[in-house]
Amino acid sequence: MSIFDDAAAVRRGQEEGNGDLENQRQQRSRALPPTTAASTITPNAYSTGLLNDYDDDQAKVEKVRTSGAHDEYIYLGQQKFLKSDLYEAFGAPLNAGLAPVATRQFANPSPLGLSAFALTTFVLSLYNCNAAGVELPGVVVGLAFFYGGLIQLLAGMWEMVVGNTFGAVALSSYGGFWLSYAAINLPWFGIISSYIPTSGGSDVADYDQFRNALGIYLLAWAIFTFMLTICTMKSSLSFFALFLLLGVTFVLLAASEFKWSAGLRHAGGVVGVIVAIIAWYNALAGLATKENSYVRFSTVSLPGVGKSWSWR
């Protein structure tokens, strides 16, 4: 066999190979799903076609289809994606401005406010229970100013930012309560000394007036707390119990001031400790997540949640 015979054989093999490739193209075009036909693609989409017929693993390489008013959607396989999502997946958002557009997500301020309220309430309630022989609330003034007062007030302001009206009202108000309580017990403000002068014969009458004034102060906070309790009747059991028992605490402490009763004061302290524990539980329920804790704190909805009640 001469070299020309070899060339002729090679040429015949190429022709046979080209015929096989043409048959493969026809078979693949017949096997394409109907959704790839030009008539079924939206006007903004590119027509699909095979770009490579020589792939060893028989995988089809197709043009990317897009749709939308500005071609903002991309079709990958049978799924539809936004171009912006794909850009974020690969890092930079392709922003041509001087700086990327700032996108901020605020944290949940409720656990902070509840923690500040719980700790300050816990300490003062132990004082009211005469725990370890402590009766004077002087040490709790620092907590009332900075943690229960300032931090809780800031948490209430942050609740406004995230759009939680109830949380803003509750945390800001009780932050104000602790600040006012600290001011009453701080000699620099002169509130107690205005009722109890250091000289004169009317100390007893003035002290009685101070106790009544303090009772009215606590009673007003009890009314406000029961008002908030009404707004928690469609929430969880622990959240409802927190405000209900807090209102009971204020009532007991107010009654102890009116009656000069150590027993009512101790009872208010016991209920206050329970309130602090419930507040801590609610804080943990919002703070402990599957990302940071192996222990989750669940909440139970009140019976009848989802129904509407009205007075007629």
C-alpha atoms as a PDB file:
ATOM      1  CA  MET A   1       0.000   0.000   0.000  1.00  0.00           C
ATOM      2  CA  SER A   2       1.397   3.380  -1.059  1.00  0.00           C
ATOM      3  CA  ILE A   3       1.286   6.620   0.833  1.00  0.00           C
ATOM      4  CA  PHE A   4      -1.558   7.759  -1.435  1.00  0.00           C
ATOM      5  CA  ASP A   5      -3.577   4.721  -0.413  1.00  0.00           C
ATOM      6  CA  ASP A   6      -2.979   5.654   3.229  1.00  0.00           C
ATOM      7  CA  ALA A   7      -4.140   9.215   2.562  1.00  0.00           C
ATOM      8  CA  ALA A   8      -7.286   7.967   0.840  1.00  0.00           C
ATOM      9  CA  ALA A   9      -8.041   5.702   3.810  1.00  0.00           C
ATOM     10  CA  VAL A  10      -7.609   8.582   6.226  1.00  0.00           C
ATOM     11  CA  ARG A  11      -9.906  10.747   4.092  1.00  0.00           C
ATOM     12  CA  ARG A  12     -12.592   8.047   4.088  1.00  0.00           C
ATOM     13  CA  GLY A  13     -12.300   7.754   7.868  1.00  0.00           C
ATOM     14  CA  GLN A  14     -12.739  11.503   8.306  1.00  0.00           C
ATOM     15  CA  GLU A  15     -15.835  11.491   6.107  1.00  0.00           C
ATOM     16  CA  GLU A  16     -17.309   8.623   8.111  1.00  0.00           C
ATOM     17  CA  GLY A  17     -16.470  10.477  11.333  1.00  0.00           C
ATOM     18  CA  ASN A  18     -18.130  13.649  10.091  1.00  0.00           C
ATOM     19  CA  GLY A  19     -21.212  11.630   9.243  1.00  0.00           C
ATOM     20  CA  ASP A  20     -21.292  10.228  12.773  1.00  0.00           C
ATOM     21  CA  LEU A  21     -20.984  13.750  14.239  1.00  0.00           C
ATOM     22  CA  GLU A  22     -23.847  14.985  12.060  1.00  0.00           C
ATOM     23  CA  ASN A  23     -25.990  12.087  13.259  1.00  0.00           C
ATOM     24  CA  GLN A  24     -25.121  12.962  16.881  1.00  0.00           C
ATOM     25  CA  ARG A  25     -26.130  16.602  16.296  1.00  0.00           C
ATOM     26  CA  GLN A  26     -29.497  15.574  14.890  1.00  0.00           C
ATOM     27  CA  GLN A  27     -30.150  13.152  17.755  1.00  0.00           C
ATOM     28  CA  ARG A  28     -29.268  15.811  20.347  1.00  0.00           C
ATOM     29  CA  SER A  29     -31.424  18.471  18.706  1.00  0.00           C
ATOM     30  CA  ARG A  30     -34.364  16.049  18.741  1.00  0.00           C
ATOM     31  CA  ALA A  31     -33.685  15.283  22.441  1.00  0.00           C
ATOM     32  CA  LEU A  32     -33.742  18.937  23.517  1.00  0.00           C
ATOM     33  CA  PRO A  33     -36.647  19.735  25.881  1.00  0.00           C
ATOM     34  CA  PRO A  34     -39.450  21.911  24.495  1.00  0.00           C
ATOM     35  CA  THR A  35     -38.574  24.757  26.875  1.00  0.00           C
ATOM     36  CA  THR A  36     -35.416  25.491  24.879  1.00  0.00           C
ATOM     37  CA  ALA A  37     -37.332  26.275  21.713  1.00  0.00           C
ATOM     38  CA  ALA A  38     -37.168  29.891  20.567  1.00  0.00           C
ATOM     39  CA  SER A  39     -40.959  30.232  20.669  1.00  0.00           C
ATOM     40  CA  THR A  40     -41.089  29.499  24.407  1.00  0.00           C
ATOM     41  CA  ILE A  41     -38.397  31.963  25.504  1.00  0.00           C
ATOM     42  CA  THR A  42     -39.379  35.413  26.669  1.00  0.00           C
ATOM     43  CA  PRO A  43     -38.522  38.318  24.352  1.00  0.00           C
ATOM     44  CA  ASN A  44     -35.643  39.336  26.600  1.00  0.00           C
ATOM     45  CA  ALA A  45     -34.060  35.908  26.643  1.00  0.00           C
ATOM     46  CA  TYR A  46     -31.277  34.580  24.449  1.00  0.00           C
ATOM     47  CA  SER A  47     -31.961  31.502  22.372  1.00  0.00           C
ATOM     48  CA  THR A  48     -30.193  28.411  23.585  1.00  0.00           C
ATOM     49  CA  GLY A  49     -27.955  26.295  21.413  1.00  0.00           C
ATOM     50  CA  LEU A  50     -25.118  23.858  21.628  1.00  0.00           C
ATOM     51  CA  LEU A  51     -21.685  25.443  21.621  1.00  0.00           C
ATOM     52  CA  ASN A  52     -19.602  22.320  21.857  1.00  0.00           C
ATOM     53  CA  ASP A  53     -20.495  19.001  20.316  1.00  0.00           C
ATOM     54  CA  TYR A  54     -17.232  17.295  21.130  1.00  0.00           C
ATOM     55  CA  ASP A  55     -17.506  16.984  24.913  1.00  0.00           C
ATOM     56  CA  ASP A  56     -16.318  13.608  26.065  1.00  0.00           C
ATOM     57  CA  ASP A  57     -18.800  13.296  28.942  1.00  0.00           C
ATOM     58  CA  GLN A  58     -21.719  14.326  26.686  1.00  0.00           C
ATOM     59  CA  ALA A  59     -22.454  17.465  28.801  1.00  0.00           C
ATOM     60  CA  LYS A  60     -24.215  20.251  26.908  1.00  0.00           C
ATOM     61  CA  VAL A  61     -22.740  23.739  27.035  1.00  0.00           C
ATOM     62  CA  GLU A  62     -25.471  26.317  26.492  1.00  0.00           C
ATOM     63  CA  LYS A  63     -25.811  30.065  26.316  1.00  0.00           C
ATOM     64  CA  VAL A  64     -27.066  31.750  29.471  1.00  0.00           C
ATOM     65  CA  ARG A  65     -30.706  32.777  29.289  1.00  0.00           C
ATOM     66  CA  THR A  66     -31.832  36.033  30.891  1.00  0.00           C
ATOM     67  CA  SER A  67     -35.194  37.675  31.416  1.00  0.00           C
ATOM     68  CA  GLY A  68     -36.740  40.686  33.046  1.00  0.00           C
ATOM     69  CA  ALA A  69     -37.123  44.311  32.043  1.00  0.00           C
ATOM     70  CA  HIS A  70     -33.384  44.863  32.426  1.00  0.00           C
ATOM     71  CA  ASP A  71     -32.187  41.268  32.091  1.00  0.00           C
ATOM     72  CA  GLU A  72     -31.878  41.084  35.866  1.00  0.00           C
ATOM     73  CA  TYR A  73     -32.701  37.361  36.021  1.00  0.00           C
ATOM     74  CA  ILE A  74     -30.380  34.551  34.956  1.00  0.00           C
ATOM     75  CA  TYR A  75     -31.442  30.954  34.253  1.00  0.00           C
ATOM     76  CA  LEU A  76     -29.012  28.261  35.353  1.00  0.00           C
ATOM     77  CA  GLY A  77     -30.408  24.881  34.483  1.00  0.00           C
ATOM     78  CA  GLN A  78     -34.040  24.879  35.555  1.00  0.00           C
ATOM     79  CA  GLN A  79     -33.578  27.551  38.249  1.00  0.00           C
ATOM     80  CA  LYS A  80     -33.954  31.327  38.111  1.00  0.00           C
ATOM     81  CA  PHE A  81     -31.554  33.654  39.946  1.00  0.00           C
ATOM     82  CA  LEU A  82     -31.089  37.387  40.364  1.00  0.00           C
ATOM     83  CA  LYS A  83     -27.844  38.732  38.950  1.00  0.00           C
ATOM     84  CA  SER A  84     -27.307  40.724  42.146  1.00  0.00           C
ATOM     85  CA  ASP A  85     -27.415  37.523  44.213  1.00  0.00           C
ATOM     86  CA  LEU A  86     -24.762  35.948  42.018  1.00  0.00           C
ATOM     87  CA  TYR A  87     -22.590  39.049  42.295  1.00  0.00           C
ATOM     88  CA  GLU A  88     -22.787  38.898  46.089  1.00  0.00           C
ATOM     89  CA  ALA A  89     -21.887  35.224  46.031  1.00  0.00           C
ATOM     90  CA  PHE A  90     -18.648  36.032  44.246  1.00  0.00           C
ATOM     91  CA  GLY A  91     -17.661  38.909  46.545  1.00  0.00           C
ATOM     92  CA  ALA A  92     -17.785  42.513  45.413  1.00  0.00           C
ATOM     93  CA  PRO A  93     -21.196  43.948  44.446  1.00  0.00           C
ATOM     94  CA  LEU A  94     -19.716  45.603  41.352  1.00  0.00           C
ATOM     95  CA  ASN A  95     -20.657  49.033  42.624  1.00  0.00           C
ATOM     96  CA  ALA A  96     -19.132  51.763  40.469  1.00  0.00           C
ATOM     97  CA  GLY A  97     -19.547  54.499  43.080  1.00  0.00           C
ATOM     98  CA  LEU A  98     -16.908  55.941  45.339  1.00  0.00           C
ATOM     99  CA  ALA A  99     -17.966  53.606  48.158  1.00  0.00           C
ATOM    100  CA  PRO A 100     -20.269  50.577  48.443  1.00  0.00           C
ATOM    101  CA  VAL A 101     -23.828  51.253  49.482  1.00  0.00           C
ATOM    102  CA  ALA A 102     -24.084  50.702  53.233  1.00  0.00           C
ATOM    103  CA  THR A 103     -26.503  47.986  54.313  1.00  0.00           C
ATOM    104  CA  ARG A 104     -26.905  47.567  58.065  1.00  0.00           C
ATOM    105  CA  GLN A 105     -28.888  45.076  60.078  1.00  0.00           C
ATOM    106  CA  PHE A 106     -29.593  46.054  63.671  1.00  0.00           C
ATOM    107  CA  ALA A 107     -29.314  43.555  66.483  1.00  0.00           C
ATOM    108  CA  ASN A 108     -32.204  42.719  68.792  1.00  0.00           C
ATOM    109  CA  PRO A 109     -32.014  45.132  71.769  1.00  0.00           C
ATOM    110  CA  SER A 110     -34.656  43.328  73.837  1.00  0.00           C
ATOM    111  CA  PRO A 111     -32.287  40.869  75.597  1.00  0.00           C
ATOM    112  CA  LEU A 112     -30.086  43.776  76.691  1.00  0.00           C
ATOM    113  CA  GLY A 113     -32.995  45.731  78.126  1.00  0.00           C
ATOM    114  CA  LEU A 114     -34.490  42.678  79.823  1.00  0.00           C
ATOM    115  CA  SER A 115     -31.122  41.735  81.328  1.00  0.00           C
ATOM    116  CA  ALA A 116     -30.627  45.230  82.735  1.00  0.00           C
ATOM    117  CA  PHE A 117     -34.116  45.197  84.198  1.00  0.00           C
ATOM    118  CA  ALA A 118     -33.763  41.679  85.603  1.00  0.00           C
ATOM    119  CA  LEU A 119     -30.456  42.176  87.401  1.00  0.00           C
ATOM    120  CA  THR A 120     -31.436  45.473  89.026  1.00  0.00           C
ATOM    121  CA  THR A 121     -34.823  44.091  90.060  1.00  0.00           C
ATOM    122  CA  PHE A 122     -33.193  40.966  91.477  1.00  0.00           C
ATOM    123  CA  VAL A 123     -30.790  42.900  93.703  1.00  0.00           C
ATOM    124  CA  LEU A 124     -33.413  45.338  95.017  1.00  0.00           C
ATOM    125  CA  SER A 125     -35.907  42.522  95.615  1.00  0.00           C
ATOM    126  CA  LEU A 126     -33.367  40.658  97.746  1.00  0.00           C
ATOM    127  CA  TYR A 127     -32.918  43.837  99.775  1.00  0.00           C
ATOM    128  CA  ASN A 128     -36.698  44.024 100.222  1.00  0.00           C
ATOM    129  CA  CYS A 129     -36.624  40.412 101.434  1.00  0.00           C
ATOM    130  CA  ASN A 130     -34.009  41.458 104.021  1.00  0.00           C
ATOM    131  CA  ALA A 131     -31.605  38.905 102.537  1.00  0.00           C
ATOM    132  CA  ALA A 132     -28.353  38.606 104.534  1.00  0.00           C
ATOM    133  CA  GLY A 133     -29.671  41.274 106.881  1.00  0.00           C
ATOM    134  CA  VAL A 134     -29.500  44.034 104.229  1.00  0.00           C
ATOM    135  CA  GLU A 135     -32.285  46.603 104.448  1.00  0.00           C
ATOM    136  CA  LEU A 136     -30.829  49.862 103.106  1.00  0.00           C
ATOM    137  CA  PRO A 137     -30.949  50.082  99.279  1.00  0.00           C
ATOM    138  CA  GLY A 138     -27.880  52.307  98.931  1.00  0.00           C
ATOM    139  CA  VAL A 139     -25.764  49.846  96.924  1.00  0.00           C
ATOM    140  CA  VAL A 140     -28.481  49.326  94.310  1.00  0.00           C
ATOM    141  CA  VAL A 141     -28.398  53.047  93.452  1.00  0.00           C
ATOM    142  CA  GLY A 142     -25.370  52.489  91.205  1.00  0.00           C
ATOM    143  CA  LEU A 143     -27.162  49.691  89.356  1.00  0.00           C
ATOM    144  CA  ALA A 144     -30.311  51.793  89.079  1.00  0.00           C
ATOM    145  CA  PHE A 145     -28.390  54.667  87.538  1.00  0.00           C
ATOM    146  CA  PHE A 146     -26.211  52.900  84.999  1.00  0.00           C
ATOM    147  CA  TYR A 147     -27.464  49.388  84.238  1.00  0.00           C
ATOM    148  CA  GLY A 148     -31.153  49.351  85.057  1.00  0.00           C
ATOM    149  CA  GLY A 149     -31.501  53.021  84.134  1.00  0.00           C
ATOM    150  CA  LEU A 150     -29.114  54.179  81.417  1.00  0.00           C
ATOM    151  CA  ILE A 151     -28.580  50.862  79.601  1.00  0.00           C
ATOM    152  CA  GLN A 152     -32.270  49.988  79.663  1.00  0.00           C
ATOM    153  CA  LEU A 153     -33.167  53.457  78.410  1.00  0.00           C
ATOM    154  CA  LEU A 154     -30.734  53.074  75.502  1.00  0.00           C
ATOM    155  CA  ALA A 155     -32.205  49.650  74.709  1.00  0.00           C
ATOM    156  CA  GLY A 156     -35.628  51.277  74.561  1.00  0.00           C
ATOM    157  CA  MET A 157     -34.356  53.868  72.102  1.00  0.00           C
ATOM    158  CA  TRP A 158     -32.892  51.099  69.939  1.00  0.00           C
ATOM    159  CA  GLU A 159     -36.275  49.369  70.004  1.00  0.00           C
ATOM    160  CA  MET A 160     -37.649  52.476  68.304  1.00  0.00           C
ATOM    161  CA  VAL A 161     -35.025  52.124  65.579  1.00  0.00           C
ATOM    162  CA  VAL A 162     -36.012  48.528  64.817  1.00  0.00           C
ATOM    163  CA  GLY A 163     -39.704  49.452  64.854  1.00  0.00           C
ATOM    164  CA  ASN A 164     -40.818  47.723  68.081  1.00  0.00           C
ATOM    165  CA  THR A 165     -43.185  50.243  69.660  1.00  0.00           C
ATOM    166  CA  PHE A 166     -44.106  48.119  72.670  1.00  0.00           C
ATOM    167  CA  GLY A 167     -40.483  47.333  73.464  1.00  0.00           C
ATOM    168  CA  ALA A 168     -39.571  51.004  73.131  1.00  0.00           C
ATOM    169  CA  VAL A 169     -42.318  52.087  75.529  1.00  0.00           C
ATOM    170  CA  ALA A 170     -41.661  49.349  78.089  1.00  0.00           C
ATOM    171  CA  LEU A 171     -37.856  49.466  78.226  1.00  0.00           C
ATOM    172  CA  SER A 172     -37.622  53.261  78.053  1.00  0.00           C
ATOM    173  CA  SER A 173     -40.252  53.679  80.766  1.00  0.00           C
ATOM    174  CA  TYR A 174     -38.688  51.221  83.191  1.00  0.00           C
ATOM    175  CA  GLY A 175     -35.295  52.714  82.452  1.00  0.00           C
ATOM    176  CA  GLY A 176     -36.808  56.006  83.555  1.00  0.00           C
ATOM    177  CA  PHE A 177     -38.219  54.274  86.644  1.00  0.00           C
ATOM    178  CA  TRP A 178     -34.796  53.110  87.751  1.00  0.00           C
ATOM    179  CA  LEU A 179     -33.260  56.520  87.107  1.00  0.00           C
ATOM    180  CA  SER A 180     -35.985  58.187  89.167  1.00  0.00           C
ATOM    181  CA  TYR A 181     -35.616  55.589  91.932  1.00  0.00           C
ATOM    182  CA  ALA A 182     -31.890  56.274  92.085  1.00  0.00           C
ATOM    183  CA  ALA A 183     -32.546  60.012  92.217  1.00  0.00           C
ATOM    184  CA  ILE A 184     -34.950  59.579  95.145  1.00  0.00           C
ATOM    185  CA  ASN A 185     -32.364  57.639  97.148  1.00  0.00           C
ATOM    186  CA  LEU A 186     -29.381  59.831  96.265  1.00  0.00           C
ATOM    187  CA  PRO A 187     -28.825  62.550  98.915  1.00  0.00           C
ATOM    188  CA  TRP A 188     -27.511  64.973  96.306  1.00  0.00           C
ATOM    189  CA  PHE A 189     -31.050  65.412  94.908  1.00  0.00           C
ATOM    190  CA  GLY A 190     -32.392  66.216  98.385  1.00  0.00           C
ATOM    191  CA  ILE A 191     -35.726  64.455  97.858  1.00  0.00           C
ATOM    192  CA  ILE A 192     -35.803  62.482 101.097  1.00  0.00           C
ATOM    193  CA  SER A 193     -34.361  65.370 103.118  1.00  0.00           C
ATOM    194  CA  SER A 194     -37.178  67.609 101.892  1.00  0.00           C
ATOM    195  CA  TYR A 195     -39.644  65.350 103.721  1.00  0.00           C
ATOM    196  CA  ILE A 196     -37.484  64.629 106.748  1.00  0.00           C
ATOM    197  CA  PRO A 197     -35.687  67.731 108.037  1.00  0.00           C
ATOM    198  CA  THR A 198     -32.639  67.214 110.199  1.00  0.00           C
ATOM    199  CA  SER A 199     -34.024  69.438 112.988  1.00  0.00           C
ATOM    200  CA  GLY A 200     -37.430  70.248 114.425  1.00  0.00           C
ATOM    201  CA  GLY A 201     -40.165  68.336 116.153  1.00  0.00           C
ATOM    202  CA  SER A 202     -42.192  67.247 113.117  1.00  0.00           C
ATOM    203  CA  ASP A 203     -39.903  64.455 111.919  1.00  0.00           C
ATOM    204  CA  VAL A 204     -42.491  61.724 112.433  1.00  0.00           C
ATOM    205  CA  ALA A 205     -45.249  63.521 110.528  1.00  0.00           C
ATOM    206  CA  ASP A 206     -42.894  64.372 107.676  1.00  0.00           C
ATOM    207  CA  TYR A 207     -41.642  60.795 107.460  1.00  0.00           C
ATOM    208  CA  ASP A 208     -45.222  59.549 107.285  1.00  0.00           C
ATOM    209  CA  GLN A 209     -45.837  61.956 104.419  1.00  0.00           C
ATOM    210  CA  PHE A 210     -42.765  60.625 102.645  1.00  0.00           C
ATOM    211  CA  ARG A 211     -43.970  57.037 102.949  1.00  0.00           C
ATOM    212  CA  ASN A 212     -47.371  57.980 101.535  1.00  0.00           C
ATOM    213  CA  ALA A 213     -45.736  59.882  98.675  1.00  0.00           C
ATOM    214  CA  LEU A 214     -43.555  56.869  97.911  1.00  0.00           C
ATOM    215  CA  GLY A 215     -46.639  54.637  98.005  1.00  0.00           C
ATOM    216  CA  ILE A 216     -48.407  56.850  95.462  1.00  0.00           C
ATOM    217  CA  TYR A 217     -45.281  56.746  93.298  1.00  0.00           C
ATOM    218  CA  LEU A 218     -45.239  52.932  93.316  1.00  0.00           C
ATOM    219  CA  LEU A 219     -48.997  52.713  92.790  1.00  0.00           C
ATOM    220  CA  ALA A 220     -48.721  54.849  89.649  1.00  0.00           C
ATOM    221  CA  TRP A 221     -46.123  52.437  88.280  1.00  0.00           C
ATOM    222  CA  ALA A 222     -48.455  49.533  89.102  1.00  0.00           C
ATOM    223  CA  ILE A 223     -51.218  51.113  87.010  1.00  0.00           C
ATOM    224  CA  PHE A 224     -48.825  51.663  84.114  1.00  0.00           C
ATOM    225  CA  THR A 225     -47.579  48.075  84.351  1.00  0.00           C
ATOM    226  CA  PHE A 226     -51.080  46.605  84.262  1.00  0.00           C
ATOM    227  CA  MET A 227     -51.754  48.773  81.215  1.00  0.00           C
ATOM    228  CA  LEU A 228     -48.773  47.155  79.479  1.00  0.00           C
ATOM    229  CA  THR A 229     -49.955  43.725  80.630  1.00  0.00           C
ATOM    230  CA  ILE A 230     -53.073  44.130  78.496  1.00  0.00           C
ATOM    231  CA  CYS A 231     -50.806  44.469  75.455  1.00  0.00           C
ATOM    232  CA  THR A 232     -49.079  41.140  76.191  1.00  0.00           C
ATOM    233  CA  MET A 233     -52.180  38.940  76.134  1.00  0.00           C
ATOM    234  CA  LYS A 234     -51.362  37.695  72.618  1.00  0.00           C
ATOM    235  CA  SER A 235     -47.740  36.895  73.394  1.00  0.00           C
ATOM    236  CA  SER A 236     -46.023  34.061  75.246  1.00  0.00           C
ATOM    237  CA  LEU A 237     -46.888  32.853  78.721  1.00  0.00           C
ATOM    238  CA  SER A 238     -43.539  33.943  80.169  1.00  0.00           C
ATOM    239  CA  PHE A 239     -43.874  37.435  78.696  1.00  0.00           C
ATOM    240  CA  PHE A 240     -47.398  37.855  80.046  1.00  0.00           C
ATOM    241  CA  ALA A 241     -46.376  36.548  83.478  1.00  0.00           C
ATOM    242  CA  LEU A 242     -43.462  38.999  83.581  1.00  0.00           C
ATOM    243  CA  PHE A 243     -45.680  42.076  83.386  1.00  0.00           C
ATOM    244  CA  LEU A 244     -48.524  40.633  85.453  1.00  0.00           C
ATOM    245  CA  LEU A 245     -46.260  39.729  88.380  1.00  0.00           C
ATOM    246  CA  LEU A 246     -44.383  43.006  88.042  1.00  0.00           C
ATOM    247  CA  GLY A 247     -47.676  44.828  88.524  1.00  0.00           C
ATOM    248  CA  VAL A 248     -48.348  42.684  91.605  1.00  0.00           C
ATOM    249  CA  THR A 249     -44.885  43.590  92.915  1.00  0.00           C
ATOM    250  CA  PHE A 250     -45.604  47.302  92.601  1.00  0.00           C
ATOM    251  CA  VAL A 251     -48.964  46.872  94.368  1.00  0.00           C
ATOM    252  CA  LEU A 252     -47.382  44.997  97.287  1.00  0.00           C
ATOM    253  CA  LEU A 253     -44.584  47.544  97.658  1.00  0.00           C
ATOM    254  CA  ALA A 254     -47.044  50.439  97.457  1.00  0.00           C
ATOM    255  CA  ALA A 255     -49.222  48.818 100.122  1.00  0.00           C
ATOM    256  CA  SER A 256     -46.179  48.282 102.338  1.00  0.00           C
ATOM    257  CA  GLU A 257     -45.452  52.014 102.185  1.00  0.00           C
ATOM    258  CA  PHE A 258     -49.036  53.007 102.970  1.00  0.00           C
ATOM    259  CA  LYS A 259     -49.358  50.521 105.839  1.00  0.00           C
ATOM    260  CA  TRP A 260     -45.747  50.565 107.043  1.00  0.00           C
ATOM    261  CA  SER A 261     -45.866  46.775 106.763  1.00  0.00           C
ATOM    262  CA  ALA A 262     -42.622  44.811 106.727  1.00  0.00           C
ATOM    263  CA  GLY A 263     -44.562  41.665 105.745  1.00  0.00           C
ATOM    264  CA  LEU A 264     -45.955  43.276 102.585  1.00  0.00           C
ATOM    265  CA  ARG A 265     -42.499  44.568 101.771  1.00  0.00           C
ATOM    266  CA  HIS A 266     -41.023  41.078 102.083  1.00  0.00           C
ATOM    267  CA  ALA A 267     -43.846  39.657  99.945  1.00  0.00           C
ATOM    268  CA  GLY A 268     -43.123  42.274  97.294  1.00  0.00           C
ATOM    269  CA  GLY A 269     -39.473  41.271  97.427  1.00  0.00           C
ATOM    270  CA  VAL A 270     -40.288  37.584  96.895  1.00  0.00           C
ATOM    271  CA  VAL A 271     -42.513  38.315  93.903  1.00  0.00           C
ATOM    272  CA  GLY A 272     -39.841  40.699  92.602  1.00  0.00           C
ATOM    273  CA  VAL A 273     -37.254  37.897  92.637  1.00  0.00           C
ATOM    274  CA  ILE A 274     -39.637  35.757  90.583  1.00  0.00           C
ATOM    275  CA  VAL A 275     -40.125  38.659  88.159  1.00  0.00           C
ATOM    276  CA  ALA A 276     -36.353  39.004  87.750  1.00  0.00           C
ATOM    277  CA  ILE A 277     -35.971  35.288  86.990  1.00  0.00           C
ATOM    278  CA  ILE A 278     -38.751  35.444  84.380  1.00  0.00           C
ATOM    279  CA  ALA A 279     -37.124  38.518  82.816  1.00  0.00           C
ATOM    280  CA  TRP A 280     -33.814  36.668  82.588  1.00  0.00           C
ATOM    281  CA  TYR A 281     -35.594  33.725  80.980  1.00  0.00           C
ATOM    282  CA  ASN A 282     -37.164  35.968  78.352  1.00  0.00           C
ATOM    283  CA  ALA A 283     -33.775  37.543  77.705  1.00  0.00           C
ATOM    284  CA  LEU A 284     -32.196  34.112  77.194  1.00  0.00           C
ATOM    285  CA  ALA A 285     -35.029  33.081  74.877  1.00  0.00           C
ATOM    286  CA  GLY A 286     -34.043  35.910  72.563  1.00  0.00           C
ATOM    287  CA  LEU A 287     -30.298  35.669  73.125  1.00  0.00           C
ATOM    288  CA  ALA A 288     -29.554  31.938  72.870  1.00  0.00           C
ATOM    289  CA  THR A 289     -29.654  30.811  69.236  1.00  0.00           C
ATOM    290  CA  LYS A 290     -28.602  27.644  67.442  1.00  0.00           C
ATOM    291  CA  GLU A 291     -25.446  29.454  66.343  1.00  0.00           C
ATOM    292  CA  ASN A 292     -24.173  30.254  69.860  1.00  0.00           C
ATOM    293  CA  SER A 293     -25.778  27.809  72.279  1.00  0.00           C
ATOM    294  CA  TYR A 294     -26.548  24.105  72.603  1.00  0.00           C
ATOM    295  CA  VAL A 295     -29.430  24.983  74.942  1.00  0.00           C
ATOM    296  CA  ARG A 296     -32.529  26.708  73.590  1.00  0.00           C
ATOM    297  CA  PHE A 297     -35.191  28.372  75.722  1.00  0.00           C
ATOM    298  CA  SER A 298     -38.632  27.916  74.235  1.00  0.00           C
ATOM    299  CA  THR A 299     -41.710  29.984  74.964  1.00  0.00           C
ATOM    300  CA  VAL A 300     -45.322  28.838  75.198  1.00  0.00           C
ATOM    301  CA  SER A 301     -48.141  30.885  73.721  1.00  0.00           C
ATOM    302  CA  LEU A 302     -51.046  31.874  75.907  1.00  0.00           C
ATOM    303  CA  PRO A 303     -54.288  29.914  75.412  1.00  0.00           C
ATOM    304  CA  GLY A 304     -56.578  31.645  72.962  1.00  0.00           C
ATOM    305  CA  VAL A 305     -53.807  33.476  71.115  1.00  0.00           C
ATOM    306  CA  GLY A 306     -55.077  34.527  67.702  1.00  0.00           C
ATOM    307  CA  LYS A 307     -58.591  35.387  68.890  1.00  0.00           C
ATOM    308  CA  SER A 308     -59.784  38.966  69.223  1.00  0.00           C
ATOM    309  CA  TRP A 309     -61.678  40.156  72.294  1.00  0.00           C
ATOM    310  CA  SER A 310     -63.478  43.468  72.666  1.00  0.00           C
ATOM    311  CA  TRP A 311     -65.703  45.147  75.219  1.00  0.00           C
ATOM    312  CA  ARG A 312     -69.152  46.041  73.891  1.00  0.00           C
END
